[in-house]
Amino acid sequence: MKYIVTLNGKNYEVEVENAQATLLSVTDIPTPAHAPVQAAAPVPAAPTAAPAPAAGEPVRAPMPGTIVSVQAAAGTPVKKGQVLMILEAMKMENEITAPRDSAVIQVLVSQGDSVDANAVLAVLN
């Protein structure tokens, strides 16, 4: 196999045998005065940041997982124990429920979102 190696600004063609990895030959390759410059790959857009939680009581994810469904929208009054959303973790669906009677101020996740443990999922008043 042949490789081109640059050492101290000089290009060298190096031939290496696969099985032995023994140097077979080195040939000095003249460096062109104006080597073509490759265009840089486009930088991917930064992921959009999750919205900041509103003031209120946060409802947090008890474990990392994926949101399977959101069952309460912002502005919805909820009762203690009412299911707000379902979080799938380790092939099990976990109900995320309202800790008390209140209203949902903000829902910070959507169906299909992956969340970390302790992530704020929703905010209650």
PDB file of N, CA and C in Angstrom:
ATOM      1  N   MET A   1       0.846  -1.168   0.000  1.00  0.00           N
ATOM      2  CA  MET A   1       0.000   0.000   0.000  1.00  0.00           C
ATOM      3  C   MET A   1       0.892   1.231   0.000  1.00  0.00           C
ATOM      4  N   LYS A   2       0.440   2.253  -0.692  1.00  0.00           N
ATOM      5  CA  LYS A   2       1.201   3.488  -0.769  1.00  0.00           C
ATOM      6  C   LYS A   2       0.467   4.570   0.000  1.00  0.00           C
ATOM      7  N   TYR A   3       1.233   5.349   0.749  1.00  0.00           N
ATOM      8  CA  TYR A   3       0.700   6.458   1.521  1.00  0.00           C
ATOM      9  C   TYR A   3       1.515   7.696   1.193  1.00  0.00           C
ATOM     10  N   ILE A   4       0.878   8.862   1.309  1.00  0.00           N
ATOM     11  CA  ILE A   4       1.613  10.116   1.194  1.00  0.00           C
ATOM     12  C   ILE A   4       1.664  10.696   2.595  1.00  0.00           C
ATOM     13  N   VAL A   5       2.884  10.955   3.055  1.00  0.00           N
ATOM     14  CA  VAL A   5       3.120  11.453   4.407  1.00  0.00           C
ATOM     15  C   VAL A   5       3.786  12.811   4.294  1.00  0.00           C
ATOM     16  N   THR A   6       3.331  13.770   5.080  1.00  0.00           N
ATOM     17  CA  THR A   6       3.955  15.088   5.104  1.00  0.00           C
ATOM     18  C   THR A   6       4.774  15.191   6.374  1.00  0.00           C
ATOM     19  N   LEU A   7       6.048  15.531   6.207  1.00  0.00           N
ATOM     20  CA  LEU A   7       6.964  15.636   7.334  1.00  0.00           C
ATOM     21  C   LEU A   7       7.787  16.898   7.143  1.00  0.00           C
ATOM     22  N   ASN A   8       7.717  17.794   8.117  1.00  0.00           N
ATOM     23  CA  ASN A   8       8.431  19.076   8.040  1.00  0.00           C
ATOM     24  C   ASN A   8       8.118  19.819   6.746  1.00  0.00           C
ATOM     25  N   GLY A   9       6.858  19.802   6.334  1.00  0.00           N
ATOM     26  CA  GLY A   9       6.432  20.531   5.157  1.00  0.00           C
ATOM     27  C   GLY A   9       6.745  19.854   3.835  1.00  0.00           C
ATOM     28  N   LYS A  10       7.363  18.692   3.841  1.00  0.00           N
ATOM     29  CA  LYS A  10       7.687  17.966   2.610  1.00  0.00           C
ATOM     30  C   LYS A  10       6.795  16.737   2.508  1.00  0.00           C
ATOM     31  N   ASN A  11       6.323  16.450   1.297  1.00  0.00           N
ATOM     32  CA  ASN A  11       5.497  15.270   1.057  1.00  0.00           C
ATOM     33  C   ASN A  11       6.384  14.103   0.659  1.00  0.00           C
ATOM     34  N   TYR A  12       6.093  12.933   1.214  1.00  0.00           N
ATOM     35  CA  TYR A  12       6.837  11.713   0.886  1.00  0.00           C
ATOM     36  C   TYR A  12       5.832  10.626   0.548  1.00  0.00           C
ATOM     37  N   GLU A  13       6.139   9.879  -0.518  1.00  0.00           N
ATOM     38  CA  GLU A  13       5.332   8.712  -0.847  1.00  0.00           C
ATOM     39  C   GLU A  13       5.978   7.528  -0.144  1.00  0.00           C
ATOM     40  N   VAL A  14       5.201   6.858   0.702  1.00  0.00           N
ATOM     41  CA  VAL A  14       5.722   5.746   1.484  1.00  0.00           C
ATOM     42  C   VAL A  14       4.970   4.497   1.066  1.00  0.00           C
ATOM     43  N   GLU A  15       5.733   3.456   0.728  1.00  0.00           N
ATOM     44  CA  GLU A  15       5.123   2.180   0.348  1.00  0.00           C
ATOM     45  C   GLU A  15       5.337   1.207   1.490  1.00  0.00           C
ATOM     46  N   VAL A  16       4.246   0.604   1.949  1.00  0.00           N
ATOM     47  CA  VAL A  16       4.292  -0.303   3.088  1.00  0.00           C
ATOM     48  C   VAL A  16       3.655  -1.619   2.676  1.00  0.00           C
ATOM     49  N   GLU A  17       4.293  -2.710   3.052  1.00  0.00           N
ATOM     50  CA  GLU A  17       3.754  -4.036   2.778  1.00  0.00           C
ATOM     51  C   GLU A  17       2.792  -4.391   3.903  1.00  0.00           C
ATOM     52  N   ASN A  18       1.585  -4.865   3.563  1.00  0.00           N
ATOM     53  CA  ASN A  18       0.518  -5.115   4.542  1.00  0.00           C
ATOM     54  C   ASN A  18       0.924  -6.017   5.698  1.00  0.00           C
ATOM     55  N   ALA A  19       1.340  -7.210   5.421  1.00  0.00           N
ATOM     56  CA  ALA A  19       1.564  -8.199   6.476  1.00  0.00           C
ATOM     57  C   ALA A  19       2.749  -7.839   7.356  1.00  0.00           C
ATOM     58  N   GLN A  20       3.793  -7.280   6.782  1.00  0.00           N
ATOM     59  CA  GLN A  20       5.024  -7.035   7.522  1.00  0.00           C
ATOM     60  C   GLN A  20       5.099  -5.634   8.110  1.00  0.00           C
ATOM     61  N   ALA A  21       4.402  -4.684   7.498  1.00  0.00           N
ATOM     62  CA  ALA A  21       4.521  -3.282   7.874  1.00  0.00           C
ATOM     63  C   ALA A  21       5.978  -2.849   7.828  1.00  0.00           C
ATOM     64  N   THR A  22       6.675  -3.289   6.784  1.00  0.00           N
ATOM     65  CA  THR A  22       8.077  -2.958   6.576  1.00  0.00           C
ATOM     66  C   THR A  22       8.151  -1.857   5.531  1.00  0.00           C
ATOM     67  N   LEU A  23       8.947  -0.858   5.771  1.00  0.00           N
ATOM     68  CA  LEU A  23       9.103   0.233   4.842  1.00  0.00           C
ATOM     69  C   LEU A  23       9.829  -0.275   3.609  1.00  0.00           C
ATOM     70  N   LEU A  24       9.192  -0.138   2.437  1.00  0.00           N
ATOM     71  CA  LEU A  24       9.792  -0.626   1.202  1.00  0.00           C
ATOM     72  C   LEU A  24      10.502   0.493   0.450  1.00  0.00           C
ATOM     73  N   SER A  25       9.877   1.666   0.355  1.00  0.00           N
ATOM     74  CA  SER A  25      10.531   2.768  -0.338  1.00  0.00           C
ATOM     75  C   SER A  25       9.948   4.093   0.116  1.00  0.00           C
ATOM     76  N   VAL A  26      10.752   5.147  -0.037  1.00  0.00           N
ATOM     77  CA  VAL A  26      10.316   6.501   0.270  1.00  0.00           C
ATOM     78  C   VAL A  26      10.747   7.361  -0.911  1.00  0.00           C
ATOM     79  N   THR A  27       9.818   8.111  -1.469  1.00  0.00           N
ATOM     80  CA  THR A  27      10.116   8.964  -2.599  1.00  0.00           C
ATOM     81  C   THR A  27       9.685  10.378  -2.252  1.00  0.00           C
ATOM     82  N   ASP A  28      10.567  11.336  -2.431  1.00  0.00           N
ATOM     83  CA  ASP A  28      10.247  12.739  -2.178  1.00  0.00           C
ATOM     84  C   ASP A  28       9.326  13.219  -3.292  1.00  0.00           C
ATOM     85  N   ILE A  29       8.170  13.762  -2.922  1.00  0.00           N
ATOM     86  CA  ILE A  29       7.219  14.272  -3.895  1.00  0.00           C
ATOM     87  C   ILE A  29       7.245  15.791  -3.792  1.00  0.00           C
ATOM     88  N   PRO A  30       7.497  16.480  -4.886  1.00  0.00           N
ATOM     89  CA  PRO A  30       7.520  17.942  -4.812  1.00  0.00           C
ATOM     90  C   PRO A  30       6.131  18.465  -4.430  1.00  0.00           C
ATOM     91  N   THR A  31       6.123  19.457  -3.554  1.00  0.00           N
ATOM     92  CA  THR A  31       4.873  20.061  -3.114  1.00  0.00           C
ATOM     93  C   THR A  31       4.507  21.155  -4.090  1.00  0.00           C
ATOM     94  N   PRO A  32       3.294  21.144  -4.626  1.00  0.00           N
ATOM     95  CA  PRO A  32       2.907  22.209  -5.550  1.00  0.00           C
ATOM     96  C   PRO A  32       2.898  23.556  -4.831  1.00  0.00           C
ATOM     97  N   ALA A  33       3.237  24.607  -5.577  1.00  0.00           N
ATOM     98  CA  ALA A  33       3.312  25.944  -4.982  1.00  0.00           C
ATOM     99  C   ALA A  33       1.965  26.367  -4.425  1.00  0.00           C
ATOM    100  N   HIS A  34       0.920  26.051  -5.136  1.00  0.00           N
ATOM    101  CA  HIS A  34      -0.416  26.432  -4.693  1.00  0.00           C
ATOM    102  C   HIS A  34      -1.300  25.193  -4.689  1.00  0.00           C
ATOM    103  N   ALA A  35      -1.230  24.458  -3.632  1.00  0.00           N
ATOM    104  CA  ALA A  35      -2.045  23.248  -3.523  1.00  0.00           C
ATOM    105  C   ALA A  35      -3.510  23.648  -3.423  1.00  0.00           C
ATOM    106  N   PRO A  36      -4.398  22.898  -4.075  1.00  0.00           N
ATOM    107  CA  PRO A  36      -5.822  23.239  -3.986  1.00  0.00           C
ATOM    108  C   PRO A  36      -6.310  23.118  -2.537  1.00  0.00           C
ATOM    109  N   VAL A  37      -7.144  24.043  -2.180  1.00  0.00           N
ATOM    110  CA  VAL A  37      -7.697  24.063  -0.825  1.00  0.00           C
ATOM    111  C   VAL A  37      -9.096  23.476  -0.878  1.00  0.00           C
ATOM    112  N   GLN A  38      -9.337  22.511  -0.021  1.00  0.00           N
ATOM    113  CA  GLN A  38     -10.666  21.910   0.026  1.00  0.00           C
ATOM    114  C   GLN A  38     -11.584  22.816   0.824  1.00  0.00           C
ATOM    115  N   ALA A  39     -12.813  22.913   0.377  1.00  0.00           N
ATOM    116  CA  ALA A  39     -13.798  23.691   1.116  1.00  0.00           C
ATOM    117  C   ALA A  39     -14.129  22.973   2.411  1.00  0.00           C
ATOM    118  N   ALA A  40     -14.282  23.747   3.449  1.00  0.00           N
ATOM    119  CA  ALA A  40     -14.621  23.162   4.753  1.00  0.00           C
ATOM    120  C   ALA A  40     -16.041  22.620   4.695  1.00  0.00           C
ATOM    121  N   ALA A  41     -16.258  21.523   5.395  1.00  0.00           N
ATOM    122  CA  ALA A  41     -17.593  20.944   5.459  1.00  0.00           C
ATOM    123  C   ALA A  41     -18.510  21.916   6.189  1.00  0.00           C
ATOM    124  N   PRO A  42     -19.761  22.015   5.770  1.00  0.00           N
ATOM    125  CA  PRO A  42     -20.663  22.940   6.457  1.00  0.00           C
ATOM    126  C   PRO A  42     -20.848  22.534   7.914  1.00  0.00           C
ATOM    127  N   VAL A  43     -20.898  23.525   8.753  1.00  0.00           N
ATOM    128  CA  VAL A  43     -21.089  23.279  10.181  1.00  0.00           C
ATOM    129  C   VAL A  43     -22.567  23.042  10.423  1.00  0.00           C
ATOM    130  N   PRO A  44     -22.922  21.905  11.076  1.00  0.00           N
ATOM    131  CA  PRO A  44     -24.347  21.657  11.325  1.00  0.00           C
ATOM    132  C   PRO A  44     -24.902  22.704  12.279  1.00  0.00           C
ATOM    133  N   ALA A  45     -26.159  23.012  12.085  1.00  0.00           N
ATOM    134  CA  ALA A  45     -26.815  23.987  12.944  1.00  0.00           C
ATOM    135  C   ALA A  45     -26.862  23.464  14.369  1.00  0.00           C
ATOM    136  N   ALA A  46     -26.696  24.378  15.311  1.00  0.00           N
ATOM    137  CA  ALA A  46     -26.753  24.001  16.724  1.00  0.00           C
ATOM    138  C   ALA A  46     -28.175  23.559  17.044  1.00  0.00           C
ATOM    139  N   PRO A  47     -28.308  22.517  17.875  1.00  0.00           N
ATOM    140  CA  PRO A  47     -29.658  22.084  18.225  1.00  0.00           C
ATOM    141  C   PRO A  47     -30.378  23.194  18.973  1.00  0.00           C
ATOM    142  N   THR A  48     -31.666  23.292  18.724  1.00  0.00           N
ATOM    143  CA  THR A  48     -32.422  24.329  19.404  1.00  0.00           C
ATOM    144  C   THR A  48     -32.525  23.981  20.883  1.00  0.00           C
ATOM    145  N   ALA A  49     -32.345  24.979  21.693  1.00  0.00           N
ATOM    146  CA  ALA A  49     -32.394  24.772  23.147  1.00  0.00           C
ATOM    147  C   ALA A  49     -33.836  24.542  23.575  1.00  0.00           C
ATOM    148  N   ALA A  50     -34.010  23.725  24.589  1.00  0.00           N
ATOM    149  CA  ALA A  50     -35.335  23.486  25.136  1.00  0.00           C
ATOM    150  C   ALA A  50     -35.824  24.776  25.772  1.00  0.00           C
ATOM    151  N   PRO A  51     -37.125  25.039  25.695  1.00  0.00           N
ATOM    152  CA  PRO A  51     -37.629  26.264  26.300  1.00  0.00           C
ATOM    153  C   PRO A  51     -37.373  26.270  27.807  1.00  0.00           C
ATOM    154  N   ALA A  52     -37.125  27.450  28.334  1.00  0.00           N
ATOM    155  CA  ALA A  52     -36.878  27.576  29.767  1.00  0.00           C
ATOM    156  C   ALA A  52     -38.194  27.342  30.504  1.00  0.00           C
ATOM    157  N   PRO A  53     -38.141  26.609  31.613  1.00  0.00           N
ATOM    158  CA  PRO A  53     -39.379  26.371  32.356  1.00  0.00           C
ATOM    159  C   PRO A  53     -39.920  27.657  32.974  1.00  0.00           C
ATOM    160  N   ALA A  54     -41.235  27.773  32.972  1.00  0.00           N
ATOM    161  CA  ALA A  54     -41.892  28.911  33.595  1.00  0.00           C
ATOM    162  C   ALA A  54     -41.812  28.776  35.113  1.00  0.00           C
ATOM    163  N   ALA A  55     -42.113  29.876  35.799  1.00  0.00           N
ATOM    164  CA  ALA A  55     -42.137  29.831  37.259  1.00  0.00           C
ATOM    165  C   ALA A  55     -43.313  28.967  37.694  1.00  0.00           C
ATOM    166  N   GLY A  56     -43.090  28.119  38.655  1.00  0.00           N
ATOM    167  CA  GLY A  56     -44.124  27.218  39.129  1.00  0.00           C
ATOM    168  C   GLY A  56     -43.485  25.950  39.648  1.00  0.00           C
ATOM    169  N   GLU A  57     -44.290  24.916  39.859  1.00  0.00           N
ATOM    170  CA  GLU A  57     -43.781  23.644  40.356  1.00  0.00           C
ATOM    171  C   GLU A  57     -43.392  22.737  39.190  1.00  0.00           C
ATOM    172  N   PRO A  58     -42.106  22.400  39.079  1.00  0.00           N
ATOM    173  CA  PRO A  58     -41.694  21.542  37.968  1.00  0.00           C
ATOM    174  C   PRO A  58     -42.099  20.089  38.195  1.00  0.00           C
ATOM    175  N   VAL A  59     -42.468  19.409  37.121  1.00  0.00           N
ATOM    176  CA  VAL A  59     -42.707  17.973  37.136  1.00  0.00           C
ATOM    177  C   VAL A  59     -41.506  17.384  36.408  1.00  0.00           C
ATOM    178  N   ARG A  60     -40.734  16.555  37.096  1.00  0.00           N
ATOM    179  CA  ARG A  60     -39.463  16.056  36.560  1.00  0.00           C
ATOM    180  C   ARG A  60     -39.552  14.586  36.167  1.00  0.00           C
ATOM    181  N   ALA A  61     -38.664  14.199  35.252  1.00  0.00           N
ATOM    182  CA  ALA A  61     -38.576  12.800  34.829  1.00  0.00           C
ATOM    183  C   ALA A  61     -37.872  12.013  35.931  1.00  0.00           C
ATOM    184  N   PRO A  62     -38.454  10.911  36.382  1.00  0.00           N
ATOM    185  CA  PRO A  62     -37.823  10.123  37.438  1.00  0.00           C
ATOM    186  C   PRO A  62     -36.641   9.301  36.927  1.00  0.00           C
ATOM    187  N   MET A  63     -36.544   9.134  35.591  1.00  0.00           N
ATOM    188  CA  MET A  63     -35.488   8.321  34.980  1.00  0.00           C
ATOM    189  C   MET A  63     -35.355   8.750  33.527  1.00  0.00           C
ATOM    190  N   PRO A  64     -34.255   8.393  32.868  1.00  0.00           N
ATOM    191  CA  PRO A  64     -34.144   8.716  31.450  1.00  0.00           C
ATOM    192  C   PRO A  64     -35.082   7.830  30.635  1.00  0.00           C
ATOM    193  N   GLY A  65     -35.580   8.366  29.533  1.00  0.00           N
ATOM    194  CA  GLY A  65     -36.466   7.587  28.686  1.00  0.00           C
ATOM    195  C   GLY A  65     -36.981   8.400  27.525  1.00  0.00           C
ATOM    196  N   THR A  66     -38.074   7.906  26.923  1.00  0.00           N
ATOM    197  CA  THR A  66     -38.691   8.545  25.768  1.00  0.00           C
ATOM    198  C   THR A  66     -40.149   8.841  26.085  1.00  0.00           C
ATOM    199  N   ILE A  67     -40.592  10.036  25.725  1.00  0.00           N
ATOM    200  CA  ILE A  67     -41.989  10.411  25.946  1.00  0.00           C
ATOM    201  C   ILE A  67     -42.843   9.690  24.901  1.00  0.00           C
ATOM    202  N   VAL A  68     -43.750   8.847  25.374  1.00  0.00           N
ATOM    203  CA  VAL A  68     -44.627   8.079  24.486  1.00  0.00           C
ATOM    204  C   VAL A  68     -45.865   8.897  24.151  1.00  0.00           C
ATOM    205  N   SER A  69     -46.424   9.585  25.133  1.00  0.00           N
ATOM    206  CA  SER A  69     -47.585  10.436  24.877  1.00  0.00           C
ATOM    207  C   SER A  69     -47.659  11.540  25.919  1.00  0.00           C
ATOM    208  N   VAL A  70     -48.230  12.661  25.485  1.00  0.00           N
ATOM    209  CA  VAL A  70     -48.479  13.793  26.381  1.00  0.00           C
ATOM    210  C   VAL A  70     -49.989  13.904  26.477  1.00  0.00           C
ATOM    211  N   GLN A  71     -50.507  13.838  27.698  1.00  0.00           N
ATOM    212  CA  GLN A  71     -51.957  13.789  27.875  1.00  0.00           C
ATOM    213  C   GLN A  71     -52.543  15.044  28.499  1.00  0.00           C
ATOM    214  N   ALA A  72     -51.724  16.028  28.817  1.00  0.00           N
ATOM    215  CA  ALA A  72     -52.222  17.286  29.379  1.00  0.00           C
ATOM    216  C   ALA A  72     -51.508  18.440  28.696  1.00  0.00           C
ATOM    217  N   ALA A  73     -52.277  19.373  28.172  1.00  0.00           N
ATOM    218  CA  ALA A  73     -51.708  20.533  27.491  1.00  0.00           C
ATOM    219  C   ALA A  73     -51.641  21.712  28.444  1.00  0.00           C
ATOM    220  N   ALA A  74     -50.890  22.718  28.044  1.00  0.00           N
ATOM    221  CA  ALA A  74     -50.798  23.941  28.852  1.00  0.00           C
ATOM    222  C   ALA A  74     -52.193  24.531  29.021  1.00  0.00           C
ATOM    223  N   GLY A  75     -52.484  24.977  30.229  1.00  0.00           N
ATOM    224  CA  GLY A  75     -53.792  25.556  30.531  1.00  0.00           C
ATOM    225  C   GLY A  75     -54.811  24.552  31.032  1.00  0.00           C
ATOM    226  N   THR A  76     -54.467  23.271  31.009  1.00  0.00           N
ATOM    227  CA  THR A  76     -55.387  22.226  31.447  1.00  0.00           C
ATOM    228  C   THR A  76     -55.394  22.117  32.968  1.00  0.00           C
ATOM    229  N   PRO A  77     -56.579  22.160  33.620  1.00  0.00           N
ATOM    230  CA  PRO A  77     -56.624  21.879  35.049  1.00  0.00           C
ATOM    231  C   PRO A  77     -56.449  20.374  35.271  1.00  0.00           C
ATOM    232  N   VAL A  78     -55.687  19.997  36.293  1.00  0.00           N
ATOM    233  CA  VAL A  78     -55.446  18.583  36.570  1.00  0.00           C
ATOM    234  C   VAL A  78     -55.698  18.291  38.048  1.00  0.00           C
ATOM    235  N   LYS A  79     -56.067  17.053  38.316  1.00  0.00           N
ATOM    236  CA  LYS A  79     -56.288  16.579  39.686  1.00  0.00           C
ATOM    237  C   LYS A  79     -55.075  15.785  40.136  1.00  0.00           C
ATOM    238  N   LYS A  80     -54.869  15.694  41.437  1.00  0.00           N
ATOM    239  CA  LYS A  80     -53.779  14.906  41.984  1.00  0.00           C
ATOM    240  C   LYS A  80     -53.889  13.475  41.455  1.00  0.00           C
ATOM    241  N   GLY A  81     -52.775  12.945  40.924  1.00  0.00           N
ATOM    242  CA  GLY A  81     -52.743  11.583  40.409  1.00  0.00           C
ATOM    243  C   GLY A  81     -53.135  11.444  38.952  1.00  0.00           C
ATOM    244  N   GLN A  82     -53.613  12.525  38.331  1.00  0.00           N
ATOM    245  CA  GLN A  82     -53.995  12.476  36.919  1.00  0.00           C
ATOM    246  C   GLN A  82     -52.734  12.323  36.062  1.00  0.00           C
ATOM    247  N   VAL A  83     -52.825  11.482  35.044  1.00  0.00           N
ATOM    248  CA  VAL A  83     -51.677  11.241  34.171  1.00  0.00           C
ATOM    249  C   VAL A  83     -51.434  12.462  33.285  1.00  0.00           C
ATOM    250  N   LEU A  84     -50.197  12.987  33.351  1.00  0.00           N
ATOM    251  CA  LEU A  84     -49.797  14.117  32.518  1.00  0.00           C
ATOM    252  C   LEU A  84     -49.156  13.639  31.219  1.00  0.00           C
ATOM    253  N   MET A  85     -48.348  12.584  31.342  1.00  0.00           N
ATOM    254  CA  MET A  85     -47.665  12.019  30.176  1.00  0.00           C
ATOM    255  C   MET A  85     -47.174  10.625  30.507  1.00  0.00           C
ATOM    256  N   ILE A  86     -46.764   9.887  29.483  1.00  0.00           N
ATOM    257  CA  ILE A  86     -46.233   8.541  29.676  1.00  0.00           C
ATOM    258  C   ILE A  86     -44.795   8.531  29.184  1.00  0.00           C
ATOM    259  N   LEU A  87     -43.912   8.038  30.043  1.00  0.00           N
ATOM    260  CA  LEU A  87     -42.477   7.964  29.770  1.00  0.00           C
ATOM    261  C   LEU A  87     -42.083   6.499  29.653  1.00  0.00           C
ATOM    262  N   GLU A  88     -41.521   6.120  28.509  1.00  0.00           N
ATOM    263  CA  GLU A  88     -41.061   4.746  28.331  1.00  0.00           C
ATOM    264  C   GLU A  88     -39.590   4.673  28.713  1.00  0.00           C
ATOM    265  N   ALA A  89     -39.287   3.744  29.611  1.00  0.00           N
ATOM    266  CA  ALA A  89     -37.904   3.526  30.043  1.00  0.00           C
ATOM    267  C   ALA A  89     -37.714   2.031  30.235  1.00  0.00           C
ATOM    268  N   MET A  90     -36.677   1.495  29.653  1.00  0.00           N
ATOM    269  CA  MET A  90     -36.354   0.070  29.786  1.00  0.00           C
ATOM    270  C   MET A  90     -37.546  -0.805  29.417  1.00  0.00           C
ATOM    271  N   LYS A  91     -38.209  -0.486  28.297  1.00  0.00           N
ATOM    272  CA  LYS A  91     -39.338  -1.259  27.743  1.00  0.00           C
ATOM    273  C   LYS A  91     -40.590  -1.222  28.619  1.00  0.00           C
ATOM    274  N   MET A  92     -40.622  -0.306  29.591  1.00  0.00           N
ATOM    275  CA  MET A  92     -41.801  -0.178  30.448  1.00  0.00           C
ATOM    276  C   MET A  92     -42.363   1.228  30.315  1.00  0.00           C
ATOM    277  N   GLU A  93     -43.686   1.332  30.325  1.00  0.00           N
ATOM    278  CA  GLU A  93     -44.336   2.633  30.260  1.00  0.00           C
ATOM    279  C   GLU A  93     -44.641   3.098  31.677  1.00  0.00           C
ATOM    280  N   ASN A  94     -44.146   4.293  31.999  1.00  0.00           N
ATOM    281  CA  ASN A  94     -44.317   4.867  33.335  1.00  0.00           C
ATOM    282  C   ASN A  94     -45.213   6.089  33.240  1.00  0.00           C
ATOM    283  N   GLU A  95     -46.252   6.123  34.063  1.00  0.00           N
ATOM    284  CA  GLU A  95     -47.153   7.267  34.079  1.00  0.00           C
ATOM    285  C   GLU A  95     -46.538   8.375  34.920  1.00  0.00           C
ATOM    286  N   ILE A  96     -46.468   9.556  34.345  1.00  0.00           N
ATOM    287  CA  ILE A  96     -46.018  10.743  35.076  1.00  0.00           C
ATOM    288  C   ILE A  96     -47.293  11.465  35.472  1.00  0.00           C
ATOM    289  N   THR A  97     -47.535  11.572  36.765  1.00  0.00           N
ATOM    290  CA  THR A  97     -48.810  12.097  37.256  1.00  0.00           C
ATOM    291  C   THR A  97     -48.639  13.439  37.966  1.00  0.00           C
ATOM    292  N   ALA A  98     -49.756  14.134  38.083  1.00  0.00           N
ATOM    293  CA  ALA A  98     -49.776  15.415  38.799  1.00  0.00           C
ATOM    294  C   ALA A  98     -49.627  15.147  40.294  1.00  0.00           C
ATOM    295  N   PRO A  99     -48.718  15.853  40.969  1.00  0.00           N
ATOM    296  CA  PRO A  99     -48.514  15.632  42.395  1.00  0.00           C
ATOM    297  C   PRO A  99     -49.618  16.226  43.270  1.00  0.00           C
ATOM    298  N   ARG A 100     -50.422  17.140  42.689  1.00  0.00           N
ATOM    299  CA  ARG A 100     -51.508  17.779  43.447  1.00  0.00           C
ATOM    300  C   ARG A 100     -52.501  18.383  42.469  1.00  0.00           C
ATOM    301  N   ASP A 101     -53.650  18.820  42.971  1.00  0.00           N
ATOM    302  CA  ASP A 101     -54.613  19.540  42.136  1.00  0.00           C
ATOM    303  C   ASP A 101     -53.968  20.863  41.719  1.00  0.00           C
ATOM    304  N   SER A 102     -54.003  21.171  40.442  1.00  0.00           N
ATOM    305  CA  SER A 102     -53.401  22.411  39.944  1.00  0.00           C
ATOM    306  C   SER A 102     -53.778  22.583  38.483  1.00  0.00           C
ATOM    307  N   ALA A 103     -53.030  23.393  37.798  1.00  0.00           N
ATOM    308  CA  ALA A 103     -53.210  23.571  36.351  1.00  0.00           C
ATOM    309  C   ALA A 103     -51.837  23.509  35.697  1.00  0.00           C
ATOM    310  N   VAL A 104     -51.813  23.029  34.485  1.00  0.00           N
ATOM    311  CA  VAL A 104     -50.553  22.939  33.744  1.00  0.00           C
ATOM    312  C   VAL A 104     -50.250  24.328  33.170  1.00  0.00           C
ATOM    313  N   ILE A 105     -49.099  24.872  33.527  1.00  0.00           N
ATOM    314  CA  ILE A 105     -48.680  26.168  32.988  1.00  0.00           C
ATOM    315  C   ILE A 105     -47.955  25.964  31.664  1.00  0.00           C
ATOM    316  N   GLN A 106     -47.087  24.955  31.638  1.00  0.00           N
ATOM    317  CA  GLN A 106     -46.224  24.765  30.474  1.00  0.00           C
ATOM    318  C   GLN A 106     -45.878  23.289  30.338  1.00  0.00           C
ATOM    319  N   VAL A 107     -45.862  22.794  29.094  1.00  0.00           N
ATOM    320  CA  VAL A 107     -45.399  21.435  28.788  1.00  0.00           C
ATOM    321  C   VAL A 107     -44.125  21.613  27.965  1.00  0.00           C
ATOM    322  N   LEU A 108     -43.024  21.049  28.449  1.00  0.00           N
ATOM    323  CA  LEU A 108     -41.719  21.268  27.822  1.00  0.00           C
ATOM    324  C   LEU A 108     -41.262  20.135  26.916  1.00  0.00           C
ATOM    325  N   VAL A 109     -42.065  19.088  26.761  1.00  0.00           N
ATOM    326  CA  VAL A 109     -41.681  17.943  25.932  1.00  0.00           C
ATOM    327  C   VAL A 109     -42.803  17.611  24.955  1.00  0.00           C
ATOM    328  N   SER A 110     -42.447  16.839  23.948  1.00  0.00           N
ATOM    329  CA  SER A 110     -43.413  16.368  22.958  1.00  0.00           C
ATOM    330  C   SER A 110     -43.264  14.867  22.809  1.00  0.00           C
ATOM    331  N   GLN A 111     -44.251  14.247  22.202  1.00  0.00           N
ATOM    332  CA  GLN A 111     -44.182  12.811  21.939  1.00  0.00           C
ATOM    333  C   GLN A 111     -42.926  12.514  21.119  1.00  0.00           C
ATOM    334  N   GLY A 112     -42.179  11.482  21.540  1.00  0.00           N
ATOM    335  CA  GLY A 112     -40.968  11.080  20.839  1.00  0.00           C
ATOM    336  C   GLY A 112     -39.695  11.689  21.390  1.00  0.00           C
ATOM    337  N   ASP A 113     -39.799  12.681  22.265  1.00  0.00           N
ATOM    338  CA  ASP A 113     -38.606  13.309  22.847  1.00  0.00           C
ATOM    339  C   ASP A 113     -37.896  12.343  23.790  1.00  0.00           C
ATOM    340  N   SER A 114     -36.572  12.354  23.752  1.00  0.00           N
ATOM    341  CA  SER A 114     -35.765  11.619  24.731  1.00  0.00           C
ATOM    342  C   SER A 114     -35.443  12.578  25.856  1.00  0.00           C
ATOM    343  N   VAL A 115     -35.564  12.112  27.081  1.00  0.00           N
ATOM    344  CA  VAL A 115     -35.295  12.981  28.227  1.00  0.00           C
ATOM    345  C   VAL A 115     -34.314  12.300  29.176  1.00  0.00           C
ATOM    346  N   ASP A 116     -33.576  13.120  29.901  1.00  0.00           N
ATOM    347  CA  ASP A 116     -32.656  12.629  30.917  1.00  0.00           C
ATOM    348  C   ASP A 116     -33.383  12.543  32.252  1.00  0.00           C
ATOM    349  N   ALA A 117     -32.805  11.815  33.165  1.00  0.00           N
ATOM    350  CA  ALA A 117     -33.357  11.756  34.525  1.00  0.00           C
ATOM    351  C   ALA A 117     -33.341  13.161  35.108  1.00  0.00           C
ATOM    352  N   ASN A 118     -34.385  13.517  35.792  1.00  0.00           N
ATOM    353  CA  ASN A 118     -34.531  14.790  36.489  1.00  0.00           C
ATOM    354  C   ASN A 118     -34.794  15.967  35.551  1.00  0.00           C
ATOM    355  N   ALA A 119     -35.029  15.707  34.262  1.00  0.00           N
ATOM    356  CA  ALA A 119     -35.362  16.776  33.314  1.00  0.00           C
ATOM    357  C   ALA A 119     -36.760  17.298  33.640  1.00  0.00           C
ATOM    358  N   VAL A 120     -36.955  18.591  33.483  1.00  0.00           N
ATOM    359  CA  VAL A 120     -38.279  19.179  33.707  1.00  0.00           C
ATOM    360  C   VAL A 120     -39.151  18.862  32.504  1.00  0.00           C
ATOM    361  N   LEU A 121     -40.270  18.196  32.755  1.00  0.00           N
ATOM    362  CA  LEU A 121     -41.189  17.792  31.693  1.00  0.00           C
ATOM    363  C   LEU A 121     -42.331  18.779  31.528  1.00  0.00           C
ATOM    364  N   ALA A 122     -42.820  19.301  32.656  1.00  0.00           N
ATOM    365  CA  ALA A 122     -43.928  20.236  32.651  1.00  0.00           C
ATOM    366  C   ALA A 122     -43.830  21.108  33.896  1.00  0.00           C
ATOM    367  N   VAL A 123     -44.606  22.183  33.898  1.00  0.00           N
ATOM    368  CA  VAL A 123     -44.644  23.093  35.047  1.00  0.00           C
ATOM    369  C   VAL A 123     -46.091  23.286  35.445  1.00  0.00           C
ATOM    370  N   LEU A 124     -46.374  23.127  36.732  1.00  0.00           N
ATOM    371  CA  LEU A 124     -47.719  23.323  37.267  1.00  0.00           C
ATOM    372  C   LEU A 124     -47.734  24.612  38.077  1.00  0.00           C
ATOM    373  N   ASN A 125     -48.952  25.213  38.213  1.00  0.00           N
ATOM    374  CA  ASN A 125     -49.032  26.438  39.038  1.00  0.00           C
ATOM    375  C   ASN A 125     -49.207  26.098  40.497  1.00  0.00           C
TER     376      ASN A 125
END
